[in-house]
Protein backbone atom coordinates (compact mmCIF):
# COMPACT_ATOMS: atom_id res chain seq x y z
CA UNK A 1 1.40 21.79 -38.94
CA UNK A 2 3.28 22.28 -35.75
CA UNK A 3 -0.19 22.46 -33.47
CA UNK A 4 -0.58 18.96 -35.24
CA UNK A 5 2.75 17.50 -34.34
CA UNK A 6 3.07 18.86 -30.44
CA UNK A 7 -0.56 17.15 -30.53
CA UNK A 8 0.98 13.67 -31.74
CA UNK A 9 4.20 13.81 -29.69
CA UNK A 10 1.93 14.65 -26.64
CA UNK A 11 -0.93 11.37 -27.51
CA UNK A 12 2.28 9.52 -28.27
CA UNK A 13 3.94 10.35 -24.97
CA UNK A 14 0.47 9.46 -23.24
CA UNK A 15 0.35 6.00 -24.86
CA UNK A 16 4.02 5.21 -23.99
CA UNK A 17 2.98 6.27 -20.02
CA UNK A 18 -0.20 4.03 -19.83
CA UNK A 19 2.05 1.14 -21.44
CA UNK A 20 4.26 1.24 -18.89
CA UNK A 21 1.67 1.38 -15.62
CA UNK A 22 0.07 -1.42 -17.31
CA UNK A 23 3.27 -3.20 -17.01
CA UNK A 24 4.30 -1.83 -13.51
CA UNK A 25 4.26 -5.02 -10.84
CA UNK A 26 5.30 -3.25 -7.60
CA UNK A 27 8.02 -5.27 -5.91
CA UNK A 28 6.59 -5.08 -2.63
CA UNK A 29 3.29 -6.70 -3.75
CA UNK A 30 4.24 -8.95 -7.03
CA UNK A 31 7.80 -9.84 -6.83
CA UNK A 32 9.00 -10.93 -10.55
CA UNK A 33 11.11 -13.82 -8.85
CA UNK A 34 8.01 -15.24 -7.19
CA UNK A 35 7.26 -18.67 -8.78
CA UNK A 36 4.34 -19.12 -10.67
CA UNK A 37 3.10 -22.72 -10.56
CA UNK A 38 -0.46 -23.64 -12.22
CA UNK A 39 -0.89 -27.15 -11.47
CA UNK A 40 -4.30 -28.57 -12.57
CA UNK A 41 -6.46 -28.95 -9.87
CA UNK A 42 -9.27 -31.19 -10.56
CA UNK A 43 -11.14 -30.22 -14.02
CA UNK A 44 -13.03 -27.01 -13.16
CA UNK A 45 -10.08 -24.57 -12.78
CA UNK A 46 -9.39 -22.44 -16.21
CA UNK A 47 -7.29 -19.31 -14.54
CA UNK A 48 -9.51 -17.39 -15.94
CA UNK A 49 -8.45 -13.93 -16.57
CA UNK A 50 -9.89 -10.47 -14.87
CA UNK A 51 -11.43 -9.81 -18.81
CA UNK A 52 -13.26 -13.12 -18.32
CA UNK A 53 -14.26 -12.20 -15.10
CA UNK A 54 -16.04 -8.65 -16.76
CA UNK A 55 -18.22 -11.22 -18.97
CA UNK A 56 -19.27 -13.90 -16.70
CA UNK A 57 -22.57 -14.50 -14.99
CA UNK A 58 -22.88 -14.55 -11.67
CA UNK A 59 -24.75 -17.14 -10.29
CA UNK A 60 -27.65 -16.81 -7.52
CA UNK A 61 -26.68 -17.28 -3.93
CA UNK A 62 -22.80 -16.46 -4.78
CA UNK A 63 -20.29 -14.53 -2.87
CA UNK A 64 -16.89 -12.94 -3.81
CA UNK A 65 -13.18 -13.58 -2.53
CA UNK A 66 -11.37 -10.34 -3.35
CA UNK A 67 -7.40 -10.66 -2.00
CA UNK A 68 -5.71 -7.59 -3.43
CA UNK A 69 -2.42 -9.27 -1.70
CA UNK A 70 0.05 -11.60 -2.71
CA UNK A 71 0.64 -13.18 1.06
CA UNK A 72 -2.50 -14.29 2.54
CA UNK A 73 -4.24 -16.90 -0.53
CA UNK A 74 -3.46 -20.02 2.00
CA UNK A 75 -6.74 -17.99 3.57
CA UNK A 76 -8.52 -18.94 0.72
CA UNK A 77 -9.26 -22.33 0.78
CA UNK A 78 -10.77 -21.82 4.29
CA UNK A 79 -12.97 -19.14 3.67
CA UNK A 80 -14.36 -21.04 0.22
CA UNK A 81 -14.93 -23.89 2.21
CA UNK A 82 -17.37 -21.88 5.13
CA UNK A 83 -19.39 -20.65 2.33
CA UNK A 84 -19.81 -23.39 0.52
CA UNK A 85 -20.99 -25.49 3.56
CA UNK A 86 -23.91 -22.75 4.18
CA UNK A 87 -24.95 -23.56 0.82
CA UNK A 88 -23.22 -21.16 -1.39
CA UNK A 89 -21.31 -20.71 -4.73
CA UNK A 90 -17.86 -19.08 -4.52
CA UNK A 91 -16.36 -16.63 -7.20
CA UNK A 92 -12.48 -15.94 -6.28
CA UNK A 93 -10.47 -12.97 -7.94
CA UNK A 94 -6.56 -12.97 -6.57
CA UNK A 95 -3.45 -11.82 -8.30
CA UNK A 96 -2.04 -15.16 -10.51
CA UNK A 97 0.83 -15.98 -8.15
CA UNK A 98 -1.89 -17.36 -5.75
CA UNK A 99 -3.59 -19.47 -8.14
CA UNK A 100 -2.63 -22.47 -6.70
CA UNK A 101 -3.87 -21.71 -3.25
CA UNK A 102 -6.68 -24.46 -4.13
CA UNK A 103 -4.75 -27.13 -4.98
CA UNK A 104 -5.78 -29.30 -2.33
CA UNK A 105 -9.56 -28.37 -2.90
CA UNK A 106 -12.09 -31.70 -4.13
CA UNK A 107 -15.64 -29.49 -3.30
CA UNK A 108 -14.82 -27.83 -6.71
CA UNK A 109 -18.55 -27.64 -8.14
CA UNK A 110 -19.24 -24.62 -6.86
CA UNK A 111 -16.12 -22.53 -7.36
CA UNK A 112 -14.88 -20.36 -9.79
CA UNK A 113 -11.16 -18.80 -9.89
CA UNK A 114 -10.18 -15.29 -12.09
CA UNK A 115 -6.75 -14.21 -11.25
CA UNK A 116 -4.96 -10.81 -12.38
CA UNK A 117 -1.40 -9.78 -13.11
CA UNK A 118 -1.00 -7.25 -11.29
CA UNK A 119 -2.61 -4.23 -9.09
CA UNK A 120 -2.02 -1.88 -11.70
CA UNK A 121 -4.74 -4.02 -13.49
CA UNK A 122 -7.37 -3.47 -10.90
CA UNK A 123 -7.20 0.25 -10.86
CA UNK A 124 -7.49 0.94 -14.33
CA UNK A 125 -10.66 -0.97 -14.29
CA UNK A 126 -12.86 -0.59 -11.22
CA UNK A 127 -15.13 1.35 -12.83
CA UNK A 128 -15.94 -2.19 -14.27
CA UNK A 129 -15.35 -4.30 -11.44
CA UNK A 130 -17.54 -1.97 -9.01
CA UNK A 131 -20.51 -2.75 -11.44
CA UNK A 132 -19.95 -6.66 -10.88
CA UNK A 133 -19.33 -6.42 -7.40
CA UNK A 134 -22.84 -5.01 -6.56
CA UNK A 135 -24.50 -7.96 -8.11
CA UNK A 136 -23.01 -10.64 -5.82
CA UNK A 137 -24.99 -11.63 -2.12
CA UNK A 138 -21.83 -11.13 -0.21
CA UNK A 139 -18.04 -9.67 -1.46
CA UNK A 140 -15.39 -10.52 1.37
CA UNK A 141 -12.30 -8.40 1.74
CA UNK A 142 -9.57 -11.16 2.57
CA UNK A 143 -7.01 -8.79 3.35
CA UNK A 144 -7.96 -5.15 4.59
CA UNK A 145 -5.52 -2.25 4.54
CA UNK A 146 -5.14 0.83 5.79
CA UNK A 147 -2.58 2.57 3.32
CA UNK A 148 -4.36 5.19 1.15
CA UNK A 149 -3.68 3.34 -1.84
CA UNK A 150 -5.98 0.80 -0.54
CA UNK A 151 -8.45 2.94 0.72
CA UNK A 152 -8.84 4.82 -2.64
CA UNK A 153 -8.81 1.60 -4.54
CA UNK A 154 -11.86 0.38 -1.86
CA UNK A 155 -13.65 3.64 -2.03
CA UNK A 156 -13.64 2.86 -5.93
CA UNK A 157 -14.90 0.20 -6.20
CA UNK A 158 -17.31 0.86 -3.73
CA UNK A 159 -16.80 -1.78 -1.20
CA UNK A 160 -16.91 0.89 1.61
CA UNK A 161 -20.53 1.88 0.50
CA UNK A 162 -22.37 -1.47 -0.03
CA UNK A 163 -24.12 -3.03 3.06
CA UNK A 164 -22.91 -6.93 1.76
CA UNK A 165 -19.39 -6.05 2.13
CA UNK A 166 -17.04 -7.96 4.91
CA UNK A 167 -13.64 -6.50 5.73
CA UNK A 168 -10.93 -9.14 7.20
CA UNK A 169 -8.07 -7.78 9.43
CA UNK A 170 -4.96 -10.14 9.82
CA UNK A 171 -4.14 -7.16 12.14
CA UNK A 172 -6.67 -5.60 14.55
CA UNK A 173 -4.46 -2.31 14.90
CA UNK A 174 -5.49 -1.61 11.36
CA UNK A 175 -9.19 -1.38 12.47
CA UNK A 176 -9.22 2.25 12.42
CA UNK A 177 -11.74 4.41 12.92
CA UNK A 178 -12.79 4.99 9.27
CA UNK A 179 -13.55 0.62 9.67
CA UNK A 180 -15.13 0.74 13.15
CA UNK A 181 -19.02 1.46 12.06
CA UNK A 182 -18.70 -2.30 10.18
CA UNK A 183 -17.59 -3.92 13.17
CA UNK A 184 -20.84 -2.95 15.08
CA UNK A 185 -22.69 -4.88 11.83
CA UNK A 186 -20.49 -7.99 12.31
CA UNK A 187 -18.84 -7.20 9.06
CA UNK A 188 -15.06 -7.31 10.64
CA UNK A 189 -13.50 -10.84 10.71
CA UNK A 190 -10.23 -11.51 12.63
CA UNK A 191 -8.57 -14.88 12.63
CA UNK A 192 -7.91 -14.87 16.15
CA UNK A 193 -10.36 -13.64 19.60
CA UNK A 194 -9.58 -10.25 19.74
CA UNK A 195 -11.74 -7.10 21.21
CA UNK A 196 -12.56 -6.13 17.77
CA UNK A 197 -14.36 -8.11 15.07
CA UNK A 198 -15.52 -11.77 14.83
CA UNK A 199 -13.11 -14.60 15.08
CA UNK A 200 -13.65 -16.69 11.67
CA UNK A 201 -10.30 -18.62 11.77
CA UNK A 202 -9.71 -19.70 7.86
CA UNK A 203 -8.09 -23.31 8.50
CA UNK A 204 -8.71 -25.34 5.87
CA UNK A 205 -6.54 -26.15 3.12
CA UNK A 206 -8.22 -29.23 1.28
CA UNK A 207 -8.16 -32.92 1.29
CA UNK A 208 -5.14 -33.61 3.08
CA UNK A 209 -3.59 -36.86 3.97
CA UNK A 210 -2.77 -38.92 7.03
CA UNK A 211 0.61 -40.08 7.50
CA UNK A 212 2.70 -41.99 10.10
CA UNK A 213 5.39 -40.47 11.80
CA UNK A 214 8.21 -40.48 10.29
CA UNK A 215 11.15 -43.01 11.01
CA UNK A 216 13.39 -39.71 10.66
CA UNK A 217 11.76 -36.50 12.11
CA UNK A 218 10.37 -34.04 10.10
CA UNK A 219 10.08 -30.48 11.30
CA UNK A 220 8.00 -27.63 9.68
CA UNK A 221 9.31 -23.85 10.42
CA UNK A 222 8.54 -20.71 8.70
CA UNK A 223 11.12 -17.88 8.42
CA UNK A 224 10.19 -14.49 9.23
CA UNK A 225 11.06 -11.27 9.84
CA UNK A 226 12.14 -10.26 13.53
CA UNK A 227 12.46 -13.76 14.94
CA UNK A 228 15.48 -14.78 16.82
CA UNK A 229 16.56 -18.38 15.84
CA UNK A 230 19.52 -18.46 17.77
CA UNK A 231 17.93 -20.70 20.51
CA UNK A 232 16.98 -23.14 17.71
CA UNK A 233 20.37 -23.69 16.79
CA UNK A 234 21.55 -24.13 19.63
CA UNK A 235 19.03 -26.88 20.02
CA UNK A 236 19.81 -28.34 16.82
CA UNK A 237 23.46 -28.98 17.59
CA UNK A 238 22.97 -30.50 20.88
CA UNK A 239 20.66 -32.97 19.12
CA UNK A 240 23.08 -33.52 16.53
CA UNK A 241 25.25 -34.73 19.86
CA UNK A 242 23.05 -36.98 20.56
CA UNK A 243 23.22 -38.84 17.52
CA UNK A 244 19.57 -38.10 16.78
CA UNK A 245 18.11 -38.23 13.21
CA UNK A 246 15.77 -35.18 12.50
CA UNK A 247 15.52 -32.61 9.93
CA UNK A 248 14.13 -29.05 9.79
CA UNK A 249 12.24 -27.87 6.26
CA UNK A 250 12.14 -24.08 5.58
CA UNK A 251 9.82 -21.83 3.90
CA UNK A 252 9.24 -17.80 4.09
CA UNK A 253 8.41 -15.19 1.91
CA UNK A 254 11.84 -13.91 2.82
CA UNK A 255 15.46 -15.49 3.24
CA UNK A 256 16.51 -14.42 6.45
CA UNK A 257 17.21 -17.96 8.31
CA UNK A 258 19.73 -19.64 5.59
CA UNK A 259 22.98 -21.17 5.56
CA UNK A 260 24.41 -18.47 6.28
CA UNK A 261 23.07 -18.52 9.35
CA UNK A 262 23.82 -21.72 11.09
CA UNK A 263 27.48 -23.51 11.60
CA UNK A 264 28.62 -26.06 9.16
CA UNK A 265 28.01 -29.10 11.16
CA UNK A 266 24.85 -29.30 11.35
CA UNK A 267 23.56 -27.60 7.66
CA UNK A 268 22.58 -31.14 6.56
CA UNK A 269 19.52 -30.83 9.12
CA UNK A 270 18.16 -27.67 7.03
CA UNK A 271 16.14 -28.28 4.05
CA UNK A 272 15.18 -24.45 2.21
CA UNK A 273 12.21 -24.49 0.34
CA UNK A 274 11.86 -20.22 0.40
CA UNK A 275 9.17 -18.78 -2.16
CA UNK A 276 7.73 -22.30 -2.41
CA UNK A 277 4.21 -22.36 -4.50
CA UNK A 278 1.49 -22.86 -2.45
CA UNK A 279 1.49 -26.68 -3.52
CA UNK A 280 4.44 -27.09 -2.75
CA UNK A 281 3.97 -25.72 1.16
CA UNK A 282 1.07 -27.54 1.67
CA UNK A 283 3.07 -30.73 0.57
CA UNK A 284 5.92 -29.91 2.63
CA UNK A 285 3.56 -29.28 5.41
CA UNK A 286 1.60 -32.60 4.64
CA UNK A 287 4.84 -34.91 4.99
CA UNK A 288 5.88 -33.22 7.93
CA UNK A 289 5.59 -34.69 11.41
CA UNK A 290 5.95 -30.91 13.73
CA UNK A 291 5.62 -27.47 13.24
CA UNK A 292 7.55 -25.29 15.19
CA UNK A 293 6.45 -21.96 16.21
CA UNK A 294 9.43 -20.18 17.85
CA UNK A 295 8.20 -17.10 20.03
CA UNK A 296 9.18 -15.74 22.36
CA UNK A 297 7.56 -13.49 25.09
CA UNK A 298 10.78 -11.25 25.46
CA UNK A 299 10.25 -10.30 21.51
CA UNK A 300 7.98 -7.23 21.25
CA UNK A 301 7.33 -8.34 17.47
CA UNK A 302 6.69 -12.03 18.88
CA UNK A 303 4.48 -10.68 21.38
CA UNK A 304 1.75 -9.70 18.99
CA UNK A 305 1.07 -12.67 17.90
CA UNK A 306 -1.20 -13.09 20.95
CA UNK A 307 -2.34 -9.60 21.54
CA UNK A 308 -3.16 -8.01 17.72
CA UNK A 309 -2.87 -11.26 15.56
CA UNK A 310 -2.24 -14.30 14.52
CA UNK A 311 0.60 -16.56 13.43
CA UNK A 312 -0.54 -18.59 10.02
CA UNK A 313 1.48 -21.61 11.45
CA UNK A 314 -1.25 -22.35 13.76
CA UNK A 315 -3.50 -22.27 10.93
CA UNK A 316 -1.36 -24.59 9.31
CA UNK A 317 -1.19 -27.28 12.22
CA UNK A 318 -5.10 -27.41 12.75
CA UNK A 319 -5.27 -27.54 8.91
CA UNK A 320 -3.09 -30.54 8.43
CA UNK A 321 -3.36 -31.54 12.09
CA UNK A 322 0.07 -31.64 13.01
CA UNK A 323 1.22 -30.91 16.61
CA UNK A 324 3.13 -27.53 17.21
CA UNK A 325 6.00 -27.11 19.29
CA UNK A 326 5.46 -23.40 20.80
CA UNK A 327 6.32 -21.51 23.51
CA UNK A 328 3.61 -22.27 26.46
CA UNK A 329 3.30 -18.60 27.33
CA UNK A 330 1.69 -18.47 23.80
CA UNK A 331 -0.13 -21.29 23.83
CA UNK A 332 -3.52 -20.63 25.57
CA UNK A 333 -4.20 -18.37 23.05
CA UNK A 334 -4.37 -20.67 20.14
CA UNK A 335 -5.78 -23.44 22.44
CA UNK A 336 -2.52 -25.58 22.30
CA UNK A 337 -1.95 -27.84 25.20
CA UNK A 338 0.37 -30.71 26.38
CA UNK A 339 -2.33 -33.29 24.82
CA UNK A 340 -2.33 -32.06 21.62
CA UNK A 341 1.18 -30.04 21.40
CA UNK A 342 4.53 -29.81 22.85
CA UNK A 343 5.38 -26.96 24.97
CA UNK A 344 8.28 -25.65 25.98
CA UNK A 345 9.61 -22.38 27.68
CA UNK A 346 12.30 -20.01 27.00
CA UNK A 347 14.99 -22.32 27.83
CA UNK A 348 14.01 -26.07 27.07
CA UNK A 349 13.23 -26.16 23.59
CA UNK A 350 16.43 -28.78 23.01
CA UNK A 351 14.56 -31.06 25.20
CA UNK A 352 10.64 -30.28 23.68
CA UNK A 353 12.29 -30.96 20.14
CA UNK A 354 14.15 -34.37 21.24
CA UNK A 355 10.79 -35.57 22.90
CA UNK A 356 9.15 -34.91 19.41
CA UNK A 357 12.25 -37.32 17.89
CA UNK A 358 11.55 -39.97 20.40
CA UNK A 359 7.98 -40.15 20.29
CA UNK A 360 6.31 -43.54 19.52
CA UNK A 361 4.00 -43.19 16.46
CA UNK A 362 0.53 -44.26 18.97
CA UNK A 363 0.87 -41.54 21.28
CA UNK A 364 1.51 -38.86 17.65
CA UNK A 365 -1.56 -40.64 16.52
CA UNK A 366 -3.54 -39.69 19.62
CA UNK A 367 -2.02 -36.28 20.18
CA UNK A 368 -3.58 -35.49 16.86
CA UNK A 369 -6.56 -36.79 17.38
CA UNK A 370 -6.69 -34.34 20.34
CA UNK A 371 -5.65 -31.48 17.64
CA UNK A 372 -8.58 -32.69 15.88
CA UNK A 373 -10.87 -32.27 18.53
CA UNK A 374 -9.82 -28.23 18.89
CA UNK A 375 -9.77 -27.99 15.48
CA UNK A 376 -13.51 -28.78 15.06
CA UNK A 377 -14.54 -26.76 18.46
CA UNK A 378 -12.30 -23.63 16.29
CA UNK A 379 -14.63 -24.38 12.66
CA UNK A 380 -18.26 -24.53 14.73
CA UNK A 381 -17.08 -21.14 16.61
CA UNK A 382 -15.87 -19.74 13.02
CA UNK A 383 -19.48 -20.47 11.13
CA UNK A 384 -21.34 -19.40 13.93
CA UNK A 385 -19.54 -16.13 13.70
CA UNK A 386 -20.55 -16.22 10.01
CA UNK A 387 -24.30 -17.14 10.58
CA UNK A 388 -24.33 -13.32 12.04
CA UNK A 389 -24.42 -12.00 8.88
CA UNK A 390 -24.35 -14.68 6.37
CA UNK A 391 -27.52 -17.00 7.19
CA UNK A 392 -27.61 -20.44 5.57
CA UNK A 393 -28.99 -21.15 2.07
CA UNK A 394 -32.39 -22.15 2.12
CA UNK A 395 -33.22 -24.88 -0.25
């Protein structure tokens, strides 16, 4: 009897442990504080669960996009657009917090979106997932990581051993020796033009609206780690003293730059939308006039944004055709110039913001047209690079 009791206790403890694991949501990966907004997107998205993913049928010429992180789903619409333009169907498996990333997407006939709750749910189903992954024409890993937890996951899913997997790196320093062989097979993609990988920049977000320049100029800014906002605050103080009307809308995943960082006399010029959903983010950018990209060449962290990685704000600029205010030392890397953007040096952000505020709508719209020319060039560079491995579907 005693042995039976001990066995029962062991089984109960194991069950409790499994239940606890199934509910784990790593705070660094999927914060419980993150908003979960699921707007209806056309008539095609049901927010299918992982269980439905296991049982769905896969159409011919279908590409699977996998995103195991929560922070790069703004790239999903852009990659989806490229694949659809090449004639493919697209299945997407992402964390549920990013399920509204396609909320502006109109070309919905060839898309199916599936979501999972947490990374543990993926880890517990790698065998089933690996069998399904093999059935796709191509599988793209939208955010490739080098932490052992992810390398083990990729290996268990078979992504490192199949010939039709593609790895997207948001930081080229992560392209370690383990991935080097894929570089020669055109299976490593980057968002910028670097020494490693093919440049495939996802800057399409959906069917956007083109507005006139607002009577009260609206700037958009993403708050992130390691940025110096002092010169922005100093510029706002001077613009305020000039009696100029403008607003700065701030988003981001962290709240490092908030009302506690700025003087009270300029607080009404700032509007905060931290932890906004993708749908909310898109609408804020769509209704803005300019995007401020506060990069400094003296900042070691900022310097990476033209050597090993790109800023997502540049993607928003191209995707929504919003001219940006950017340090001239970074502008060339992103193909921004005085015709499609407003450039500043380390000392004249105030002058550049003032120029943006006073810019008339006619000149503003011309700047957007010039930006659109560069956007089309970036699109063609990207889709030509994609075709080095993924050929268009022949009908």
